[in-house]
Amino acid sequence: MRVDSGFVLREIAGDYVIIPTGKIVLTFNGLITVNEVGVSIWNMLQKEVTFEEIVKGILDEYEVEESVARQDVEEFLEKLAENGILIGE
C-alpha cells in the first residue's frame, strides 16, 4: 500500500495537514490534520509498504506497546482509505 500521489503533507503554522492537489481538489473537500506519528506513517507510505512494515517502523521509532501501535496504525490507515488517499490496501 502507499498514498495517492494526488495528496501531499504540508506543515502549516506548526500543524501537519494532508491536502489534495491537482484535479482532486475539485472533489475532495477539506484537510486532514495529522500528529507526529501520522507524519511518520505518511513518510513510510511514500513507497509501497505493508501493514507489518509500518507497525515495525513505529515500534522502532517510538516507545509504545505493540498492541497500541497496531491499533493506531490501523485507525490511521482506515482514515486514509475512507478519504481515498490510500492505494492498494
PDB file of N, CA and C in Angstrom:
ATOM      1  N   MET A   1       0.835  -1.180   0.000  1.00  0.00           N
ATOM      2  CA  MET A   1       0.000   0.000   0.000  1.00  0.00           C
ATOM      3  C   MET A   1       0.872   1.233   0.000  1.00  0.00           C
ATOM      4  N   ARG A   2       0.319   2.315  -0.465  1.00  0.00           N
ATOM      5  CA  ARG A   2       1.012   3.598  -0.477  1.00  0.00           C
ATOM      6  C   ARG A   2      -0.043   4.698  -0.598  1.00  0.00           C
ATOM      7  N   VAL A   3       0.385   5.955  -0.477  1.00  0.00           N
ATOM      8  CA  VAL A   3      -0.559   7.062  -0.602  1.00  0.00           C
ATOM      9  C   VAL A   3      -0.687   7.476  -2.065  1.00  0.00           C
ATOM     10  N   ASP A   4      -1.861   7.982  -2.402  1.00  0.00           N
ATOM     11  CA  ASP A   4      -2.123   8.509  -3.744  1.00  0.00           C
ATOM     12  C   ASP A   4      -1.268   9.750  -3.950  1.00  0.00           C
ATOM     13  N   SER A   5      -0.624   9.841  -5.105  1.00  0.00           N
ATOM     14  CA  SER A   5       0.255  10.982  -5.377  1.00  0.00           C
ATOM     15  C   SER A   5      -0.504  12.299  -5.517  1.00  0.00           C
ATOM     16  N   GLY A   6      -1.834  12.246  -5.512  1.00  0.00           N
ATOM     17  CA  GLY A   6      -2.639  13.458  -5.590  1.00  0.00           C
ATOM     18  C   GLY A   6      -2.805  14.156  -4.255  1.00  0.00           C
ATOM     19  N   PHE A   7      -2.143  13.630  -3.229  1.00  0.00           N
ATOM     20  CA  PHE A   7      -2.209  14.230  -1.900  1.00  0.00           C
ATOM     21  C   PHE A   7      -0.799  14.494  -1.399  1.00  0.00           C
ATOM     22  N   VAL A   8      -0.632  15.577  -0.657  1.00  0.00           N
ATOM     23  CA  VAL A   8       0.664  15.921  -0.086  1.00  0.00           C
ATOM     24  C   VAL A   8       0.508  16.285   1.385  1.00  0.00           C
ATOM     25  N   LEU A   9       1.583  16.132   2.115  1.00  0.00           N
ATOM     26  CA  LEU A   9       1.623  16.517   3.523  1.00  0.00           C
ATOM     27  C   LEU A   9       2.366  17.840   3.614  1.00  0.00           C
ATOM     28  N   ARG A  10       1.768  18.801   4.304  1.00  0.00           N
ATOM     29  CA  ARG A  10       2.381  20.116   4.463  1.00  0.00           C
ATOM     30  C   ARG A  10       2.334  20.521   5.930  1.00  0.00           C
ATOM     31  N   GLU A  11       3.346  21.279   6.334  1.00  0.00           N
ATOM     32  CA  GLU A  11       3.345  21.869   7.667  1.00  0.00           C
ATOM     33  C   GLU A  11       2.829  23.292   7.528  1.00  0.00           C
ATOM     34  N   ILE A  12       1.765  23.592   8.260  1.00  0.00           N
ATOM     35  CA  ILE A  12       1.165  24.919   8.219  1.00  0.00           C
ATOM     36  C   ILE A  12       1.021  25.412   9.654  1.00  0.00           C
ATOM     37  N   ALA A  13       1.748  26.456   9.972  1.00  0.00           N
ATOM     38  CA  ALA A  13       1.698  27.063  11.306  1.00  0.00           C
ATOM     39  C   ALA A  13       1.907  26.038  12.420  1.00  0.00           C
ATOM     40  N   GLY A  14       2.859  25.118  12.204  1.00  0.00           N
ATOM     41  CA  GLY A  14       3.182  24.130  13.222  1.00  0.00           C
ATOM     42  C   GLY A  14       2.318  22.887  13.213  1.00  0.00           C
ATOM     43  N   ASP A  15       1.295  22.866  12.389  1.00  0.00           N
ATOM     44  CA  ASP A  15       0.440  21.684  12.266  1.00  0.00           C
ATOM     45  C   ASP A  15       0.718  20.993  10.939  1.00  0.00           C
ATOM     46  N   TYR A  16       0.590  19.681  10.926  1.00  0.00           N
ATOM     47  CA  TYR A  16       0.758  18.924   9.685  1.00  0.00           C
ATOM     48  C   TYR A  16      -0.612  18.571   9.131  1.00  0.00           C
ATOM     49  N   VAL A  17      -0.808  18.852   7.849  1.00  0.00           N
ATOM     50  CA  VAL A  17      -2.090  18.569   7.205  1.00  0.00           C
ATOM     51  C   VAL A  17      -1.867  17.864   5.872  1.00  0.00           C
ATOM     52  N   ILE A  18      -2.795  16.980   5.551  1.00  0.00           N
ATOM     53  CA  ILE A  18      -2.801  16.315   4.254  1.00  0.00           C
ATOM     54  C   ILE A  18      -3.763  17.099   3.384  1.00  0.00           C
ATOM     55  N   ILE A  19      -3.266  17.530   2.222  1.00  0.00           N
ATOM     56  CA  ILE A  19      -4.097  18.326   1.329  1.00  0.00           C
ATOM     57  C   ILE A  19      -4.093  17.716  -0.074  1.00  0.00           C
ATOM     58  N   PRO A  20      -5.195  17.877  -0.793  1.00  0.00           N
ATOM     59  CA  PRO A  20      -5.258  17.371  -2.167  1.00  0.00           C
ATOM     60  C   PRO A  20      -4.546  18.315  -3.127  1.00  0.00           C
ATOM     61  N   THR A  21      -4.130  17.772  -4.267  1.00  0.00           N
ATOM     62  CA  THR A  21      -3.517  18.586  -5.312  1.00  0.00           C
ATOM     63  C   THR A  21      -4.167  18.245  -6.652  1.00  0.00           C
ATOM     64  N   GLY A  22      -3.898  19.058  -7.630  1.00  0.00           N
ATOM     65  CA  GLY A  22      -4.400  18.795  -8.985  1.00  0.00           C
ATOM     66  C   GLY A  22      -5.910  18.722  -9.048  1.00  0.00           C
ATOM     67  N   LYS A  23      -6.422  17.833  -9.883  1.00  0.00           N
ATOM     68  CA  LYS A  23      -7.862  17.699 -10.093  1.00  0.00           C
ATOM     69  C   LYS A  23      -8.606  17.177  -8.874  1.00  0.00           C
ATOM     70  N   ILE A  24      -7.877  16.534  -7.963  1.00  0.00           N
ATOM     71  CA  ILE A  24      -8.516  16.015  -6.753  1.00  0.00           C
ATOM     72  C   ILE A  24      -9.108  17.144  -5.923  1.00  0.00           C
ATOM     73  N   VAL A  25      -8.539  18.332  -6.029  1.00  0.00           N
ATOM     74  CA  VAL A  25      -9.043  19.498  -5.289  1.00  0.00           C
ATOM     75  C   VAL A  25     -10.527  19.725  -5.589  1.00  0.00           C
ATOM     76  N   LEU A  26     -10.947  19.403  -6.793  1.00  0.00           N
ATOM     77  CA  LEU A  26     -12.337  19.630  -7.188  1.00  0.00           C
ATOM     78  C   LEU A  26     -13.320  18.698  -6.493  1.00  0.00           C
ATOM     79  N   THR A  27     -12.840  17.516  -6.076  1.00  0.00           N
ATOM     80  CA  THR A  27     -13.757  16.540  -5.485  1.00  0.00           C
ATOM     81  C   THR A  27     -13.514  16.277  -3.999  1.00  0.00           C
ATOM     82  N   PHE A  28     -12.370  16.675  -3.484  1.00  0.00           N
ATOM     83  CA  PHE A  28     -12.029  16.436  -2.081  1.00  0.00           C
ATOM     84  C   PHE A  28     -12.187  17.733  -1.308  1.00  0.00           C
ATOM     85  N   ASN A  29     -13.096  17.740  -0.367  1.00  0.00           N
ATOM     86  CA  ASN A  29     -13.334  18.944   0.433  1.00  0.00           C
ATOM     87  C   ASN A  29     -12.670  18.813   1.793  1.00  0.00           C
ATOM     88  N   GLY A  30     -11.803  19.734   2.108  1.00  0.00           N
ATOM     89  CA  GLY A  30     -11.231  19.762   3.440  1.00  0.00           C
ATOM     90  C   GLY A  30      -9.779  19.371   3.495  1.00  0.00           C
ATOM     91  N   LEU A  31      -9.295  19.282   4.732  1.00  0.00           N
ATOM     92  CA  LEU A  31      -7.930  18.912   5.044  1.00  0.00           C
ATOM     93  C   LEU A  31      -7.969  17.857   6.139  1.00  0.00           C
ATOM     94  N   ILE A  32      -6.913  17.089   6.249  1.00  0.00           N
ATOM     95  CA  ILE A  32      -6.803  16.129   7.337  1.00  0.00           C
ATOM     96  C   ILE A  32      -5.564  16.506   8.145  1.00  0.00           C
ATOM     97  N   THR A  33      -5.760  16.782   9.418  1.00  0.00           N
ATOM     98  CA  THR A  33      -4.657  17.125  10.312  1.00  0.00           C
ATOM     99  C   THR A  33      -4.080  15.839  10.889  1.00  0.00           C
ATOM    100  N   VAL A  34      -2.749  15.748  10.943  1.00  0.00           N
ATOM    101  CA  VAL A  34      -2.108  14.553  11.488  1.00  0.00           C
ATOM    102  C   VAL A  34      -1.096  14.942  12.560  1.00  0.00           C
ATOM    103  N   ASN A  35      -0.865  14.009  13.468  1.00  0.00           N
ATOM    104  CA  ASN A  35       0.119  14.236  14.524  1.00  0.00           C
ATOM    105  C   ASN A  35       1.479  13.693  14.087  1.00  0.00           C
ATOM    106  N   GLU A  36       2.434  13.701  14.996  1.00  0.00           N
ATOM    107  CA  GLU A  36       3.797  13.272  14.689  1.00  0.00           C
ATOM    108  C   GLU A  36       3.854  11.813  14.219  1.00  0.00           C
ATOM    109  N   VAL A  37       3.078  10.946  14.846  1.00  0.00           N
ATOM    110  CA  VAL A  37       3.050   9.537  14.440  1.00  0.00           C
ATOM    111  C   VAL A  37       2.442   9.424  13.043  1.00  0.00           C
ATOM    112  N   GLY A  38       1.401  10.200  12.793  1.00  0.00           N
ATOM    113  CA  GLY A  38       0.796  10.214  11.463  1.00  0.00           C
ATOM    114  C   GLY A  38       1.786  10.652  10.395  1.00  0.00           C
ATOM    115  N   VAL A  39       2.630  11.614  10.727  1.00  0.00           N
ATOM    116  CA  VAL A  39       3.667  12.072   9.795  1.00  0.00           C
ATOM    117  C   VAL A  39       4.637  10.919   9.503  1.00  0.00           C
ATOM    118  N   SER A  40       5.015  10.179  10.537  1.00  0.00           N
ATOM    119  CA  SER A  40       5.919   9.038  10.352  1.00  0.00           C
ATOM    120  C   SER A  40       5.297   7.989   9.435  1.00  0.00           C
ATOM    121  N   ILE A  41       4.025   7.691   9.670  1.00  0.00           N
ATOM    122  CA  ILE A  41       3.334   6.714   8.824  1.00  0.00           C
ATOM    123  C   ILE A  41       3.239   7.241   7.399  1.00  0.00           C
ATOM    124  N   TRP A  42       2.882   8.509   7.249  1.00  0.00           N
ATOM    125  CA  TRP A  42       2.792   9.121   5.916  1.00  0.00           C
ATOM    126  C   TRP A  42       4.118   8.976   5.163  1.00  0.00           C
ATOM    127  N   ASN A  43       5.211   9.250   5.850  1.00  0.00           N
ATOM    128  CA  ASN A  43       6.520   9.145   5.216  1.00  0.00           C
ATOM    129  C   ASN A  43       6.810   7.712   4.771  1.00  0.00           C
ATOM    130  N   MET A  44       6.420   6.735   5.571  1.00  0.00           N
ATOM    131  CA  MET A  44       6.610   5.331   5.184  1.00  0.00           C
ATOM    132  C   MET A  44       5.767   4.978   3.959  1.00  0.00           C
ATOM    133  N   LEU A  45       4.593   5.605   3.857  1.00  0.00           N
ATOM    134  CA  LEU A  45       3.669   5.311   2.767  1.00  0.00           C
ATOM    135  C   LEU A  45       4.052   5.978   1.443  1.00  0.00           C
ATOM    136  N   GLN A  46       5.169   6.655   1.405  1.00  0.00           N
ATOM    137  CA  GLN A  46       5.612   7.274   0.157  1.00  0.00           C
ATOM    138  C   GLN A  46       6.124   6.238  -0.835  1.00  0.00           C
ATOM    139  N   LYS A  47       6.368   5.028  -0.344  1.00  0.00           N
ATOM    140  CA  LYS A  47       6.718   3.913  -1.215  1.00  0.00           C
ATOM    141  C   LYS A  47       5.831   2.737  -0.819  1.00  0.00           C
ATOM    142  N   GLU A  48       5.810   1.729  -1.636  1.00  0.00           N
ATOM    143  CA  GLU A  48       4.990   0.543  -1.356  1.00  0.00           C
ATOM    144  C   GLU A  48       5.464  -0.084  -0.040  1.00  0.00           C
ATOM    145  N   VAL A  49       4.534  -0.298   0.876  1.00  0.00           N
ATOM    146  CA  VAL A  49       4.875  -0.807   2.199  1.00  0.00           C
ATOM    147  C   VAL A  49       3.711  -1.649   2.723  1.00  0.00           C
ATOM    148  N   THR A  50       4.002  -2.611   3.594  1.00  0.00           N
ATOM    149  CA  THR A  50       2.960  -3.449   4.182  1.00  0.00           C
ATOM    150  C   THR A  50       2.563  -2.915   5.554  1.00  0.00           C
ATOM    151  N   PHE A  51       1.449  -3.394   6.039  1.00  0.00           N
ATOM    152  CA  PHE A  51       0.978  -3.037   7.378  1.00  0.00           C
ATOM    153  C   PHE A  51       2.042  -3.391   8.414  1.00  0.00           C
ATOM    154  N   GLU A  52       2.596  -4.601   8.307  1.00  0.00           N
ATOM    155  CA  GLU A  52       3.605  -5.063   9.266  1.00  0.00           C
ATOM    156  C   GLU A  52       4.849  -4.184   9.240  1.00  0.00           C
ATOM    157  N   GLU A  53       5.257  -3.729   8.064  1.00  0.00           N
ATOM    158  CA  GLU A  53       6.421  -2.842   7.965  1.00  0.00           C
ATOM    159  C   GLU A  53       6.151  -1.502   8.636  1.00  0.00           C
ATOM    160  N   ILE A  54       4.933  -1.015   8.509  1.00  0.00           N
ATOM    161  CA  ILE A  54       4.573   0.249   9.167  1.00  0.00           C
ATOM    162  C   ILE A  54       4.608   0.087  10.683  1.00  0.00           C
ATOM    163  N   VAL A  55       3.995  -1.000  11.174  1.00  0.00           N
ATOM    164  CA  VAL A  55       3.988  -1.243  12.623  1.00  0.00           C
ATOM    165  C   VAL A  55       5.420  -1.348  13.137  1.00  0.00           C
ATOM    166  N   LYS A  56       6.271  -2.086  12.446  1.00  0.00           N
ATOM    167  CA  LYS A  56       7.670  -2.219  12.858  1.00  0.00           C
ATOM    168  C   LYS A  56       8.355  -0.857  12.881  1.00  0.00           C
ATOM    169  N   GLY A  57       8.085  -0.034  11.868  1.00  0.00           N
ATOM    170  CA  GLY A  57       8.677   1.302  11.826  1.00  0.00           C
ATOM    171  C   GLY A  57       8.271   2.154  13.019  1.00  0.00           C
ATOM    172  N   ILE A  58       7.004   2.064  13.393  1.00  0.00           N
ATOM    173  CA  ILE A  58       6.513   2.823  14.557  1.00  0.00           C
ATOM    174  C   ILE A  58       7.143   2.296  15.837  1.00  0.00           C
ATOM    175  N   LEU A  59       7.229   0.971  15.974  1.00  0.00           N
ATOM    176  CA  LEU A  59       7.835   0.381  17.168  1.00  0.00           C
ATOM    177  C   LEU A  59       9.312   0.760  17.278  1.00  0.00           C
ATOM    178  N   ASP A  60      10.005   0.865  16.145  1.00  0.00           N
ATOM    179  CA  ASP A  60      11.413   1.248  16.152  1.00  0.00           C
ATOM    180  C   ASP A  60      11.606   2.719  16.509  1.00  0.00           C
ATOM    181  N   GLU A  61      10.635   3.553  16.142  1.00  0.00           N
ATOM    182  CA  GLU A  61      10.785   4.996  16.329  1.00  0.00           C
ATOM    183  C   GLU A  61      10.229   5.518  17.655  1.00  0.00           C
ATOM    184  N   TYR A  62       9.193   4.863  18.174  1.00  0.00           N
ATOM    185  CA  TYR A  62       8.514   5.352  19.374  1.00  0.00           C
ATOM    186  C   TYR A  62       8.475   4.274  20.456  1.00  0.00           C
ATOM    187  N   GLU A  63       8.448   4.722  21.695  1.00  0.00           N
ATOM    188  CA  GLU A  63       8.288   3.797  22.815  1.00  0.00           C
ATOM    189  C   GLU A  63       6.798   3.594  23.039  1.00  0.00           C
ATOM    190  N   VAL A  64       6.284   2.502  22.460  1.00  0.00           N
ATOM    191  CA  VAL A  64       4.864   2.210  22.540  1.00  0.00           C
ATOM    192  C   VAL A  64       4.689   0.695  22.501  1.00  0.00           C
ATOM    193  N   GLU A  65       3.647   0.218  23.169  1.00  0.00           N
ATOM    194  CA  GLU A  65       3.363  -1.218  23.143  1.00  0.00           C
ATOM    195  C   GLU A  65       2.896  -1.611  21.749  1.00  0.00           C
ATOM    196  N   GLU A  66       3.215  -2.822  21.349  1.00  0.00           N
ATOM    197  CA  GLU A  66       2.869  -3.279  20.004  1.00  0.00           C
ATOM    198  C   GLU A  66       1.365  -3.237  19.752  1.00  0.00           C
ATOM    199  N   SER A  67       0.558  -3.602  20.742  1.00  0.00           N
ATOM    200  CA  SER A  67      -0.899  -3.597  20.545  1.00  0.00           C
ATOM    201  C   SER A  67      -1.414  -2.183  20.288  1.00  0.00           C
ATOM    202  N   VAL A  68      -0.838  -1.201  20.975  1.00  0.00           N
ATOM    203  CA  VAL A  68      -1.233   0.196  20.781  1.00  0.00           C
ATOM    204  C   VAL A  68      -0.788   0.676  19.400  1.00  0.00           C
ATOM    205  N   ALA A  69       0.430   0.325  19.021  1.00  0.00           N
ATOM    206  CA  ALA A  69       0.939   0.716  17.704  1.00  0.00           C
ATOM    207  C   ALA A  69       0.064   0.140  16.597  1.00  0.00           C
ATOM    208  N   ARG A  70      -0.284  -1.144  16.712  1.00  0.00           N
ATOM    209  CA  ARG A  70      -1.124  -1.784  15.696  1.00  0.00           C
ATOM    210  C   ARG A  70      -2.472  -1.082  15.566  1.00  0.00           C
ATOM    211  N   GLN A  71      -3.086  -0.768  16.707  1.00  0.00           N
ATOM    212  CA  GLN A  71      -4.389  -0.105  16.699  1.00  0.00           C
ATOM    213  C   GLN A  71      -4.283   1.288  16.083  1.00  0.00           C
ATOM    214  N   ASP A  72      -3.272   2.037  16.467  1.00  0.00           N
ATOM    215  CA  ASP A  72      -3.094   3.396  15.939  1.00  0.00           C
ATOM    216  C   ASP A  72      -2.840   3.375  14.434  1.00  0.00           C
ATOM    217  N   VAL A  73      -1.986   2.456  13.980  1.00  0.00           N
ATOM    218  CA  VAL A  73      -1.698   2.346  12.553  1.00  0.00           C
ATOM    219  C   VAL A  73      -2.961   1.967  11.794  1.00  0.00           C
ATOM    220  N   GLU A  74      -3.699   1.002  12.314  1.00  0.00           N
ATOM    221  CA  GLU A  74      -4.935   0.566  11.658  1.00  0.00           C
ATOM    222  C   GLU A  74      -5.936   1.716  11.543  1.00  0.00           C
ATOM    223  N   GLU A  75      -6.112   2.488  12.604  1.00  0.00           N
ATOM    224  CA  GLU A  75      -7.047   3.612  12.579  1.00  0.00           C
ATOM    225  C   GLU A  75      -6.614   4.676  11.574  1.00  0.00           C
ATOM    226  N   PHE A  76      -5.321   4.970  11.521  1.00  0.00           N
ATOM    227  CA  PHE A  76      -4.815   5.971  10.588  1.00  0.00           C
ATOM    228  C   PHE A  76      -5.018   5.505   9.145  1.00  0.00           C
ATOM    229  N   LEU A  77      -4.693   4.251   8.866  1.00  0.00           N
ATOM    230  CA  LEU A  77      -4.860   3.716   7.513  1.00  0.00           C
ATOM    231  C   LEU A  77      -6.332   3.694   7.100  1.00  0.00           C
ATOM    232  N   GLU A  78      -7.220   3.379   8.049  1.00  0.00           N
ATOM    233  CA  GLU A  78      -8.658   3.398   7.756  1.00  0.00           C
ATOM    234  C   GLU A  78      -9.106   4.810   7.382  1.00  0.00           C
ATOM    235  N   LYS A  79      -8.615   5.797   8.097  1.00  0.00           N
ATOM    236  CA  LYS A  79      -8.958   7.199   7.812  1.00  0.00           C
ATOM    237  C   LYS A  79      -8.490   7.580   6.408  1.00  0.00           C
ATOM    238  N   LEU A  80      -7.267   7.185   6.052  1.00  0.00           N
ATOM    239  CA  LEU A  80      -6.760   7.461   4.714  1.00  0.00           C
ATOM    240  C   LEU A  80      -7.596   6.747   3.651  1.00  0.00           C
ATOM    241  N   ALA A  81      -7.937   5.499   3.902  1.00  0.00           N
ATOM    242  CA  ALA A  81      -8.724   4.724   2.941  1.00  0.00           C
ATOM    243  C   ALA A  81     -10.107   5.315   2.762  1.00  0.00           C
ATOM    244  N   GLU A  82     -10.753   5.733   3.842  1.00  0.00           N
ATOM    245  CA  GLU A  82     -12.084   6.324   3.784  1.00  0.00           C
ATOM    246  C   GLU A  82     -12.101   7.581   2.919  1.00  0.00           C
ATOM    247  N   ASN A  83     -10.982   8.275   2.890  1.00  0.00           N
ATOM    248  CA  ASN A  83     -10.892   9.528   2.138  1.00  0.00           C
ATOM    249  C   ASN A  83     -10.255   9.364   0.756  1.00  0.00           C
ATOM    250  N   GLY A  84     -10.036   8.102   0.354  1.00  0.00           N
ATOM    251  CA  GLY A  84      -9.496   7.848  -0.975  1.00  0.00           C
ATOM    252  C   GLY A  84      -8.028   8.218  -1.129  1.00  0.00           C
ATOM    253  N   ILE A  85      -7.305   8.259  -0.037  1.00  0.00           N
ATOM    254  CA  ILE A  85      -5.906   8.678  -0.060  1.00  0.00           C
ATOM    255  C   ILE A  85      -4.970   7.475  -0.166  1.00  0.00           C
ATOM    256  N   LEU A  86      -5.419   6.317   0.290  1.00  0.00           N
ATOM    257  CA  LEU A  86      -4.598   5.117   0.342  1.00  0.00           C
ATOM    258  C   LEU A  86      -4.835   4.258  -0.898  1.00  0.00           C
ATOM    259  N   ILE A  87      -3.761   3.774  -1.498  1.00  0.00           N
ATOM    260  CA  ILE A  87      -3.829   2.920  -2.678  1.00  0.00           C
ATOM    261  C   ILE A  87      -3.302   1.534  -2.326  1.00  0.00           C
ATOM    262  N   GLY A  88      -4.042   0.506  -2.742  1.00  0.00           N
ATOM    263  CA  GLY A  88      -3.566  -0.870  -2.612  1.00  0.00           C
ATOM    264  C   GLY A  88      -3.516  -1.411  -1.207  1.00  0.00           C
ATOM    265  N   GLU A  89      -4.631  -1.335  -0.528  1.00  0.00           N
ATOM    266  CA  GLU A  89      -4.679  -1.846   0.845  1.00  0.00           C
ATOM    267  C   GLU A  89      -4.307  -3.288   0.873  1.00  0.00           C
TER     268      GLU A  89
END
